[in-house]
Structures are given as structure tokens and as C-alpha cells.
Amino acid sequence: MNVNDVAAPFTDHTDEVRLEWVDFNDHFHMGYYGLAFERAQETFLAHLGLFADGWPDGARMVTRQLHVCFLRELRARAPLRFETLLLDHDATRVHCIHRMLHATEGYLAATGEIVSQCMDAGETQALGFAPRVERALAALRAGHARLAPPEQRGRAIGLPRRA
């Protein structure tokens, strides 16, 4: 397994707010946050070995759920750094939360909570991970379970009412 310390968030993914990702106000357009989080998820899964014989032929990872919390604005060309925690996993799915930070100023701009699942090529049947990937997930989950997840974890959407 080529991941950093299992007792620390995974931090190998960086990016920037690309010009094609900004709106007419020079702000990071909300539609592209999902793409940025998907790329962070792919980097994380690749480091676990999922794209190197980590699943059956023709299998693919699909996103089952994505919840983004927008916390602070980003502008064009802002450098991005991601911290990823593995929150849970089973034989076919991974549940992660990614923190998107401004890489030089350090502030938390957004979180993206994702559930991905290993599926057959036709996306009709869930497929299990290879045993070595399951072991890597279990080790990483044990380490990440000791870390405090971002407060945005598990947030429901709605309009809170004051009593």
C-alpha cells in the first residue's frame, strides 16, 4: 500500500481552480466542486491500489453519493490542497470525506463527503475488492478512526428552524 501514515489524513492530492471552473464573478463555480472532489477521490483510491489489479476485469468505481459543504469562496487559479479521511468501507464501497483547503492561505474552503462503489462494467452488480485492497482499507480505517472528522461529516440538507 502506497499511502502516507495511516494515523494521518491522506494528503497527496493537490490541484488549482482552473480558469474553465470559474463563473462570471471569477468565483469557483459550484458545479466544478464535484469534479475537484472526484479527482481527489480518484487519487486516494489509486494510492490504495484500486486501479492496479484491485478489482475484477471491467470493474469501475462509481460515485453513489456526494455532499458538498461550501464554506469559503475560492477564485481563479487558487492553489488547492486536499486532506482525505476514510470514514468507512465494506466489501464494495468506500465512504470518505475530503477537506478542500486553500494551499497557501490554509483556510478550509469546502468539504466533500463521497460514497463510491465498485461495480461491473454495466453498473448492474456490485463487485468486491481484492483481498489486498480490503486489508489496505482496514488498516487505513483503523488509523483514520482515531482522527476527528470535519464537523461537516454526515450533514443533512434542510432549513434549521429556531425554537
N, C-alpha and C. Protein backbone atom coordinates (compact mmCIF):
# COMPACT_ATOMS: atom_id res chain seq x y z
N MET A 1 0.86 -1.19 0.00
CA MET A 1 0.00 0.00 0.00
C MET A 1 0.89 1.23 0.00
N ASN A 2 0.68 2.11 -0.95
CA ASN A 2 1.48 3.32 -1.06
C ASN A 2 0.68 4.52 -0.54
N VAL A 3 0.40 4.53 0.75
CA VAL A 3 -0.29 5.67 1.36
C VAL A 3 0.58 6.22 2.48
N ASN A 4 0.31 7.48 2.83
CA ASN A 4 1.08 8.06 3.92
C ASN A 4 0.62 7.45 5.24
N ASP A 5 1.15 7.89 6.34
CA ASP A 5 0.87 7.38 7.67
C ASP A 5 -0.62 7.12 7.86
N VAL A 6 -0.98 5.89 8.27
CA VAL A 6 -2.39 5.54 8.43
C VAL A 6 -3.05 6.31 9.58
N ALA A 7 -2.26 6.93 10.44
CA ALA A 7 -2.81 7.70 11.54
C ALA A 7 -2.93 9.18 11.20
N ALA A 8 -2.76 9.53 9.93
CA ALA A 8 -2.86 10.92 9.48
C ALA A 8 -3.76 10.97 8.25
N PRO A 9 -4.37 12.12 7.98
CA PRO A 9 -5.16 12.21 6.75
C PRO A 9 -4.28 11.99 5.52
N PHE A 10 -4.87 11.47 4.47
CA PHE A 10 -4.19 11.30 3.19
C PHE A 10 -4.09 12.68 2.56
N THR A 11 -2.88 13.08 2.13
CA THR A 11 -2.67 14.46 1.67
C THR A 11 -1.96 14.56 0.33
N ASP A 12 -1.99 13.52 -0.47
CA ASP A 12 -1.22 13.52 -1.71
C ASP A 12 -1.89 14.22 -2.89
N HIS A 13 -3.09 14.73 -2.73
CA HIS A 13 -3.76 15.35 -3.87
C HIS A 13 -3.74 16.88 -3.77
N THR A 14 -3.30 17.51 -4.87
CA THR A 14 -3.35 18.97 -4.99
C THR A 14 -3.95 19.30 -6.35
N ASP A 15 -4.40 20.52 -6.50
CA ASP A 15 -4.98 20.97 -7.75
C ASP A 15 -4.98 22.49 -7.71
N GLU A 16 -5.68 23.11 -8.64
CA GLU A 16 -5.90 24.55 -8.61
C GLU A 16 -7.26 24.83 -9.23
N VAL A 17 -7.83 25.96 -8.90
CA VAL A 17 -9.10 26.37 -9.52
C VAL A 17 -8.76 26.80 -10.94
N ARG A 18 -9.12 25.98 -11.88
CA ARG A 18 -8.79 26.22 -13.29
C ARG A 18 -9.68 27.30 -13.88
N LEU A 19 -9.19 27.98 -14.87
CA LEU A 19 -9.95 29.08 -15.48
C LEU A 19 -11.32 28.62 -15.98
N GLU A 20 -11.39 27.41 -16.51
CA GLU A 20 -12.69 26.92 -17.01
C GLU A 20 -13.65 26.55 -15.89
N TRP A 21 -13.20 26.58 -14.64
CA TRP A 21 -14.04 26.26 -13.50
C TRP A 21 -14.64 27.50 -12.83
N VAL A 22 -14.39 28.68 -13.34
CA VAL A 22 -14.88 29.89 -12.68
C VAL A 22 -16.09 30.47 -13.41
N ASP A 23 -16.92 31.18 -12.65
CA ASP A 23 -18.11 31.81 -13.23
C ASP A 23 -17.82 33.26 -13.62
N PHE A 24 -18.84 33.99 -13.99
CA PHE A 24 -18.68 35.36 -14.46
C PHE A 24 -18.19 36.31 -13.37
N ASN A 25 -18.25 35.91 -12.10
CA ASN A 25 -17.75 36.72 -10.99
C ASN A 25 -16.32 36.35 -10.60
N ASP A 26 -15.68 35.49 -11.38
CA ASP A 26 -14.34 34.99 -11.08
C ASP A 26 -14.31 34.13 -9.82
N HIS A 27 -15.46 33.53 -9.48
CA HIS A 27 -15.56 32.61 -8.35
C HIS A 27 -15.56 31.17 -8.85
N PHE A 28 -15.05 30.28 -8.05
CA PHE A 28 -15.10 28.85 -8.33
C PHE A 28 -16.57 28.47 -8.46
N HIS A 29 -16.98 28.03 -9.64
CA HIS A 29 -18.39 27.69 -9.91
C HIS A 29 -18.77 26.42 -9.15
N MET A 30 -19.94 26.46 -8.52
CA MET A 30 -20.35 25.34 -7.66
C MET A 30 -20.36 24.00 -8.37
N GLY A 31 -20.65 23.97 -9.66
CA GLY A 31 -20.71 22.72 -10.39
C GLY A 31 -19.37 22.01 -10.50
N TYR A 32 -18.28 22.73 -10.39
CA TYR A 32 -16.96 22.13 -10.54
C TYR A 32 -16.37 21.63 -9.22
N TYR A 33 -16.98 21.97 -8.10
CA TYR A 33 -16.51 21.42 -6.83
C TYR A 33 -16.60 19.89 -6.87
N GLY A 34 -17.70 19.37 -7.43
CA GLY A 34 -17.85 17.92 -7.53
C GLY A 34 -16.73 17.29 -8.31
N LEU A 35 -16.35 17.91 -9.42
CA LEU A 35 -15.24 17.40 -10.22
C LEU A 35 -13.93 17.43 -9.42
N ALA A 36 -13.69 18.51 -8.71
CA ALA A 36 -12.47 18.60 -7.90
C ALA A 36 -12.44 17.53 -6.82
N PHE A 37 -13.58 17.30 -6.16
CA PHE A 37 -13.63 16.25 -5.14
C PHE A 37 -13.51 14.86 -5.76
N GLU A 38 -14.08 14.65 -6.93
CA GLU A 38 -13.96 13.37 -7.62
C GLU A 38 -12.49 13.08 -7.94
N ARG A 39 -11.75 14.09 -8.36
CA ARG A 39 -10.32 13.90 -8.65
C ARG A 39 -9.54 13.56 -7.38
N ALA A 40 -9.90 14.19 -6.28
CA ALA A 40 -9.25 13.86 -5.00
C ALA A 40 -9.57 12.42 -4.61
N GLN A 41 -10.82 12.00 -4.82
CA GLN A 41 -11.22 10.62 -4.52
C GLN A 41 -10.44 9.63 -5.39
N GLU A 42 -10.29 9.94 -6.67
CA GLU A 42 -9.54 9.06 -7.58
C GLU A 42 -8.08 8.92 -7.16
N THR A 43 -7.46 10.02 -6.74
CA THR A 43 -6.08 9.96 -6.27
C THR A 43 -5.98 9.07 -5.05
N PHE A 44 -6.91 9.24 -4.12
CA PHE A 44 -6.93 8.43 -2.91
C PHE A 44 -7.10 6.95 -3.25
N LEU A 45 -8.06 6.62 -4.10
CA LEU A 45 -8.32 5.22 -4.46
C LEU A 45 -7.13 4.61 -5.22
N ALA A 46 -6.50 5.40 -6.06
CA ALA A 46 -5.32 4.91 -6.80
C ALA A 46 -4.20 4.55 -5.83
N HIS A 47 -4.00 5.36 -4.79
CA HIS A 47 -2.95 5.07 -3.81
C HIS A 47 -3.26 3.83 -2.98
N LEU A 48 -4.53 3.49 -2.89
CA LEU A 48 -4.90 2.24 -2.20
C LEU A 48 -4.66 1.03 -3.09
N GLY A 49 -4.41 1.25 -4.35
CA GLY A 49 -4.17 0.15 -5.27
C GLY A 49 -5.38 -0.31 -6.04
N LEU A 50 -6.45 0.47 -6.02
CA LEU A 50 -7.67 0.04 -6.69
C LEU A 50 -7.55 0.02 -8.20
N PHE A 51 -6.63 0.77 -8.76
CA PHE A 51 -6.51 0.81 -10.20
C PHE A 51 -5.35 -0.05 -10.70
N ALA A 52 -4.81 -0.88 -9.82
CA ALA A 52 -3.71 -1.78 -10.18
C ALA A 52 -4.10 -3.19 -9.74
N ASP A 53 -4.97 -3.80 -10.51
CA ASP A 53 -5.45 -5.16 -10.21
C ASP A 53 -6.15 -5.23 -8.86
N GLY A 54 -6.80 -4.16 -8.47
CA GLY A 54 -7.52 -4.14 -7.20
C GLY A 54 -8.96 -4.57 -7.33
N TRP A 55 -9.39 -4.91 -8.54
CA TRP A 55 -10.77 -5.34 -8.75
C TRP A 55 -10.85 -6.23 -9.98
N PRO A 56 -11.99 -6.87 -10.19
CA PRO A 56 -12.14 -7.74 -11.36
C PRO A 56 -12.09 -6.97 -12.67
N ASP A 57 -11.79 -7.70 -13.77
CA ASP A 57 -11.74 -7.08 -15.10
C ASP A 57 -13.04 -6.38 -15.43
N GLY A 58 -12.93 -5.20 -16.02
CA GLY A 58 -14.11 -4.45 -16.45
C GLY A 58 -14.80 -3.68 -15.35
N ALA A 59 -14.34 -3.82 -14.11
CA ALA A 59 -14.98 -3.13 -12.99
C ALA A 59 -14.63 -1.65 -13.02
N ARG A 60 -15.45 -0.88 -12.35
CA ARG A 60 -15.20 0.56 -12.25
C ARG A 60 -15.76 1.06 -10.93
N MET A 61 -15.20 2.17 -10.48
CA MET A 61 -15.74 2.82 -9.29
C MET A 61 -16.76 3.86 -9.75
N VAL A 62 -17.90 3.86 -9.10
CA VAL A 62 -18.93 4.85 -9.39
C VAL A 62 -19.26 5.60 -8.11
N THR A 63 -19.60 6.86 -8.27
CA THR A 63 -19.99 7.66 -7.11
C THR A 63 -21.46 7.43 -6.85
N ARG A 64 -21.77 7.03 -5.63
CA ARG A 64 -23.15 6.78 -5.22
C ARG A 64 -23.77 7.98 -4.52
N GLN A 65 -22.92 8.76 -3.87
CA GLN A 65 -23.42 9.91 -3.14
C GLN A 65 -22.30 10.93 -2.99
N LEU A 66 -22.65 12.21 -3.11
CA LEU A 66 -21.70 13.31 -2.90
C LEU A 66 -22.44 14.42 -2.19
N HIS A 67 -21.88 14.88 -1.10
CA HIS A 67 -22.44 16.00 -0.35
C HIS A 67 -21.35 17.04 -0.16
N VAL A 68 -21.56 18.22 -0.74
CA VAL A 68 -20.58 19.30 -0.66
C VAL A 68 -21.08 20.37 0.30
N CYS A 69 -20.20 20.80 1.18
CA CYS A 69 -20.46 21.96 2.03
C CYS A 69 -19.52 23.08 1.57
N PHE A 70 -20.11 24.18 1.13
CA PHE A 70 -19.35 25.34 0.67
C PHE A 70 -19.10 26.25 1.87
N LEU A 71 -17.85 26.49 2.20
CA LEU A 71 -17.53 27.22 3.42
C LEU A 71 -16.88 28.57 3.18
N ARG A 72 -16.07 28.67 2.16
CA ARG A 72 -15.40 29.94 1.88
C ARG A 72 -15.06 30.00 0.40
N GLU A 73 -15.18 31.16 -0.17
CA GLU A 73 -15.02 31.35 -1.61
C GLU A 73 -13.58 31.14 -2.07
N LEU A 74 -13.48 30.62 -3.29
CA LEU A 74 -12.20 30.48 -3.97
C LEU A 74 -12.30 31.19 -5.31
N ARG A 75 -11.19 31.69 -5.79
CA ARG A 75 -11.15 32.40 -7.07
C ARG A 75 -10.25 31.66 -8.06
N ALA A 76 -10.26 32.12 -9.30
CA ALA A 76 -9.47 31.51 -10.36
C ALA A 76 -8.01 31.37 -9.95
N ARG A 77 -7.45 30.24 -10.29
CA ARG A 77 -6.04 29.90 -10.07
C ARG A 77 -5.66 29.71 -8.60
N ALA A 78 -6.63 29.69 -7.70
CA ALA A 78 -6.31 29.42 -6.30
C ALA A 78 -5.71 28.01 -6.19
N PRO A 79 -4.59 27.88 -5.50
CA PRO A 79 -4.00 26.55 -5.31
C PRO A 79 -4.80 25.77 -4.27
N LEU A 80 -5.02 24.50 -4.54
CA LEU A 80 -5.84 23.67 -3.65
C LEU A 80 -5.02 22.52 -3.08
N ARG A 81 -5.30 22.23 -1.83
CA ARG A 81 -4.72 21.07 -1.14
C ARG A 81 -5.86 20.31 -0.51
N PHE A 82 -5.82 18.98 -0.58
CA PHE A 82 -6.91 18.16 -0.06
C PHE A 82 -6.41 17.26 1.05
N GLU A 83 -7.24 17.10 2.07
CA GLU A 83 -6.99 16.14 3.15
C GLU A 83 -8.16 15.15 3.10
N THR A 84 -7.84 13.87 3.07
CA THR A 84 -8.87 12.83 2.94
C THR A 84 -8.86 11.91 4.14
N LEU A 85 -10.05 11.66 4.67
CA LEU A 85 -10.24 10.66 5.73
C LEU A 85 -11.14 9.56 5.20
N LEU A 86 -10.74 8.32 5.42
CA LEU A 86 -11.59 7.18 5.14
C LEU A 86 -12.50 7.01 6.35
N LEU A 87 -13.79 7.22 6.17
CA LEU A 87 -14.74 7.13 7.28
C LEU A 87 -15.26 5.72 7.48
N ASP A 88 -15.43 4.96 6.39
CA ASP A 88 -15.96 3.62 6.49
C ASP A 88 -15.73 2.90 5.16
N HIS A 89 -15.91 1.61 5.17
CA HIS A 89 -15.80 0.80 3.95
C HIS A 89 -16.45 -0.55 4.21
N ASP A 90 -16.82 -1.22 3.12
CA ASP A 90 -17.23 -2.61 3.19
C ASP A 90 -16.61 -3.31 1.99
N ALA A 91 -17.12 -4.46 1.60
CA ALA A 91 -16.51 -5.25 0.54
C ALA A 91 -16.56 -4.57 -0.83
N THR A 92 -17.49 -3.62 -1.03
CA THR A 92 -17.64 -3.00 -2.35
C THR A 92 -17.63 -1.47 -2.33
N ARG A 93 -17.73 -0.86 -1.14
CA ARG A 93 -17.89 0.60 -1.05
C ARG A 93 -16.85 1.24 -0.14
N VAL A 94 -16.57 2.51 -0.43
CA VAL A 94 -15.74 3.35 0.44
C VAL A 94 -16.50 4.65 0.71
N HIS A 95 -16.38 5.12 1.93
CA HIS A 95 -17.02 6.36 2.38
C HIS A 95 -15.91 7.27 2.90
N CYS A 96 -15.69 8.38 2.21
CA CYS A 96 -14.60 9.31 2.54
C CYS A 96 -15.15 10.72 2.72
N ILE A 97 -14.38 11.52 3.41
CA ILE A 97 -14.64 12.95 3.43
C ILE A 97 -13.33 13.66 3.09
N HIS A 98 -13.44 14.62 2.20
CA HIS A 98 -12.29 15.39 1.74
C HIS A 98 -12.44 16.83 2.23
N ARG A 99 -11.36 17.38 2.74
CA ARG A 99 -11.30 18.80 3.09
C ARG A 99 -10.54 19.51 1.99
N MET A 100 -11.16 20.51 1.37
CA MET A 100 -10.51 21.31 0.33
C MET A 100 -10.00 22.58 0.98
N LEU A 101 -8.69 22.76 0.97
CA LEU A 101 -8.08 23.92 1.60
C LEU A 101 -7.37 24.78 0.56
N HIS A 102 -7.34 26.08 0.82
CA HIS A 102 -6.51 26.97 0.01
C HIS A 102 -5.07 26.61 0.36
N ALA A 103 -4.29 26.19 -0.61
CA ALA A 103 -2.98 25.62 -0.35
C ALA A 103 -1.97 26.58 0.26
N THR A 104 -2.08 27.87 -0.03
CA THR A 104 -1.09 28.80 0.52
C THR A 104 -1.64 29.58 1.72
N GLU A 105 -2.93 29.89 1.71
CA GLU A 105 -3.51 30.64 2.82
C GLU A 105 -4.03 29.73 3.93
N GLY A 106 -4.23 28.46 3.63
CA GLY A 106 -4.56 27.47 4.64
C GLY A 106 -6.01 27.36 5.08
N TYR A 107 -6.88 28.21 4.57
CA TYR A 107 -8.27 28.15 5.07
C TYR A 107 -9.05 27.02 4.42
N LEU A 108 -10.04 26.51 5.17
CA LEU A 108 -10.93 25.46 4.69
C LEU A 108 -11.99 26.09 3.80
N ALA A 109 -12.02 25.69 2.53
CA ALA A 109 -12.96 26.27 1.57
C ALA A 109 -14.21 25.42 1.41
N ALA A 110 -14.07 24.10 1.49
CA ALA A 110 -15.22 23.22 1.28
C ALA A 110 -14.88 21.83 1.79
N THR A 111 -15.93 21.04 2.01
CA THR A 111 -15.76 19.62 2.27
C THR A 111 -16.62 18.86 1.26
N GLY A 112 -16.16 17.68 0.92
CA GLY A 112 -16.90 16.81 0.02
C GLY A 112 -16.92 15.41 0.60
N GLU A 113 -18.11 14.95 0.95
CA GLU A 113 -18.28 13.61 1.51
C GLU A 113 -18.78 12.71 0.39
N ILE A 114 -18.08 11.61 0.14
CA ILE A 114 -18.35 10.77 -1.02
C ILE A 114 -18.47 9.30 -0.61
N VAL A 115 -19.46 8.62 -1.19
CA VAL A 115 -19.55 7.17 -1.14
C VAL A 115 -19.36 6.67 -2.56
N SER A 116 -18.32 5.85 -2.77
CA SER A 116 -18.03 5.24 -4.07
C SER A 116 -18.21 3.74 -3.95
N GLN A 117 -18.58 3.10 -5.07
CA GLN A 117 -18.80 1.65 -5.06
C GLN A 117 -18.16 1.01 -6.29
N CYS A 118 -17.60 -0.16 -6.10
CA CYS A 118 -17.02 -0.95 -7.18
C CYS A 118 -18.15 -1.71 -7.88
N MET A 119 -18.30 -1.46 -9.19
CA MET A 119 -19.39 -2.06 -9.96
C MET A 119 -18.85 -2.76 -11.20
N ASP A 120 -19.66 -3.67 -11.76
CA ASP A 120 -19.29 -4.29 -13.03
C ASP A 120 -19.38 -3.26 -14.14
N ALA A 121 -18.89 -3.62 -15.32
CA ALA A 121 -18.83 -2.68 -16.44
C ALA A 121 -20.19 -2.12 -16.81
N GLY A 122 -21.25 -2.92 -16.64
CA GLY A 122 -22.60 -2.44 -16.95
C GLY A 122 -23.26 -1.70 -15.81
N GLU A 123 -22.55 -1.59 -14.69
CA GLU A 123 -23.02 -0.92 -13.48
C GLU A 123 -24.35 -1.49 -12.98
N THR A 124 -24.46 -2.84 -13.08
CA THR A 124 -25.68 -3.52 -12.60
C THR A 124 -25.42 -4.36 -11.36
N GLN A 125 -24.15 -4.67 -11.07
CA GLN A 125 -23.83 -5.53 -9.94
C GLN A 125 -22.60 -5.02 -9.21
N ALA A 126 -22.69 -4.97 -7.88
CA ALA A 126 -21.54 -4.57 -7.07
C ALA A 126 -20.52 -5.70 -7.07
N LEU A 127 -19.24 -5.33 -7.12
CA LEU A 127 -18.15 -6.29 -7.12
C LEU A 127 -17.23 -6.02 -5.94
N GLY A 128 -16.70 -7.09 -5.35
CA GLY A 128 -15.82 -6.95 -4.20
C GLY A 128 -14.40 -6.57 -4.57
N PHE A 129 -13.74 -5.91 -3.63
CA PHE A 129 -12.35 -5.53 -3.80
C PHE A 129 -11.45 -6.75 -3.63
N ALA A 130 -10.26 -6.67 -4.19
CA ALA A 130 -9.26 -7.72 -3.99
C ALA A 130 -8.89 -7.76 -2.51
N PRO A 131 -8.48 -8.95 -2.01
CA PRO A 131 -8.12 -9.07 -0.59
C PRO A 131 -7.07 -8.07 -0.14
N ARG A 132 -6.06 -7.78 -0.98
CA ARG A 132 -5.02 -6.83 -0.55
C ARG A 132 -5.59 -5.42 -0.41
N VAL A 133 -6.58 -5.06 -1.23
CA VAL A 133 -7.23 -3.75 -1.11
C VAL A 133 -8.07 -3.71 0.16
N GLU A 134 -8.77 -4.81 0.45
CA GLU A 134 -9.56 -4.88 1.69
C GLU A 134 -8.65 -4.71 2.91
N ARG A 135 -7.48 -5.33 2.89
CA ARG A 135 -6.53 -5.19 4.00
C ARG A 135 -6.04 -3.74 4.12
N ALA A 136 -5.74 -3.11 2.98
CA ALA A 136 -5.29 -1.72 3.00
C ALA A 136 -6.39 -0.81 3.54
N LEU A 137 -7.63 -1.04 3.12
CA LEU A 137 -8.75 -0.25 3.63
C LEU A 137 -8.92 -0.43 5.13
N ALA A 138 -8.82 -1.67 5.60
CA ALA A 138 -8.98 -1.93 7.05
C ALA A 138 -7.89 -1.24 7.86
N ALA A 139 -6.66 -1.28 7.38
CA ALA A 139 -5.56 -0.63 8.11
C ALA A 139 -5.75 0.88 8.13
N LEU A 140 -6.12 1.43 6.99
CA LEU A 140 -6.30 2.87 6.93
C LEU A 140 -7.49 3.31 7.76
N ARG A 141 -8.57 2.56 7.72
CA ARG A 141 -9.76 2.90 8.51
C ARG A 141 -9.43 2.88 10.00
N ALA A 142 -8.66 1.91 10.44
CA ALA A 142 -8.29 1.84 11.86
C ALA A 142 -7.50 3.08 12.27
N GLY A 143 -6.59 3.53 11.42
CA GLY A 143 -5.83 4.74 11.73
C GLY A 143 -6.68 5.99 11.67
N HIS A 144 -7.52 6.10 10.66
CA HIS A 144 -8.35 7.29 10.50
C HIS A 144 -9.47 7.36 11.54
N ALA A 145 -9.86 6.23 12.10
CA ALA A 145 -10.90 6.23 13.14
C ALA A 145 -10.46 7.00 14.39
N ARG A 146 -9.15 7.13 14.57
CA ARG A 146 -8.62 7.87 15.74
C ARG A 146 -8.61 9.38 15.51
N LEU A 147 -8.87 9.80 14.26
CA LEU A 147 -8.85 11.23 13.93
C LEU A 147 -10.25 11.81 13.99
N ALA A 148 -10.35 13.05 14.38
CA ALA A 148 -11.65 13.72 14.41
C ALA A 148 -12.04 14.10 12.98
N PRO A 149 -13.21 13.65 12.53
CA PRO A 149 -13.64 14.05 11.19
C PRO A 149 -14.09 15.50 11.20
N PRO A 150 -14.12 16.15 10.03
CA PRO A 150 -14.63 17.52 9.96
C PRO A 150 -16.07 17.58 10.48
N GLU A 151 -16.44 18.69 11.06
CA GLU A 151 -17.79 18.83 11.60
C GLU A 151 -18.87 18.70 10.53
N GLN A 152 -18.51 18.83 9.26
CA GLN A 152 -19.48 18.73 8.18
C GLN A 152 -19.87 17.28 7.89
N ARG A 153 -19.20 16.31 8.48
CA ARG A 153 -19.49 14.90 8.23
C ARG A 153 -20.96 14.60 8.55
N GLY A 154 -21.60 13.94 7.60
CA GLY A 154 -22.96 13.47 7.83
C GLY A 154 -24.02 14.55 7.87
N ARG A 155 -23.69 15.73 7.43
CA ARG A 155 -24.67 16.82 7.46
C ARG A 155 -25.86 16.51 6.58
N ALA A 156 -27.01 16.84 7.08
CA ALA A 156 -28.24 16.72 6.29
C ALA A 156 -28.56 18.09 5.71
N ILE A 157 -29.23 18.07 4.58
CA ILE A 157 -29.63 19.33 3.96
C ILE A 157 -31.01 19.72 4.49
N GLY A 158 -31.21 20.98 4.68
CA GLY A 158 -32.51 21.46 5.17
C GLY A 158 -32.38 22.87 5.72
N LEU A 159 -33.49 23.37 6.21
CA LEU A 159 -33.53 24.71 6.79
C LEU A 159 -33.77 24.58 8.29
N PRO A 160 -32.70 24.72 9.06
CA PRO A 160 -32.88 24.62 10.53
C PRO A 160 -33.84 25.71 11.03
N ARG A 161 -34.71 25.35 11.91
CA ARG A 161 -35.67 26.30 12.49
C ARG A 161 -35.27 26.62 13.91
N ARG A 162 -35.40 27.88 14.26
CA ARG A 162 -35.12 28.31 15.63
C ARG A 162 -36.37 28.11 16.47
N ALA A 163 -36.15 27.69 17.69
CA ALA A 163 -37.29 27.46 18.60
C ALA A 163 -37.87 28.75 19.10
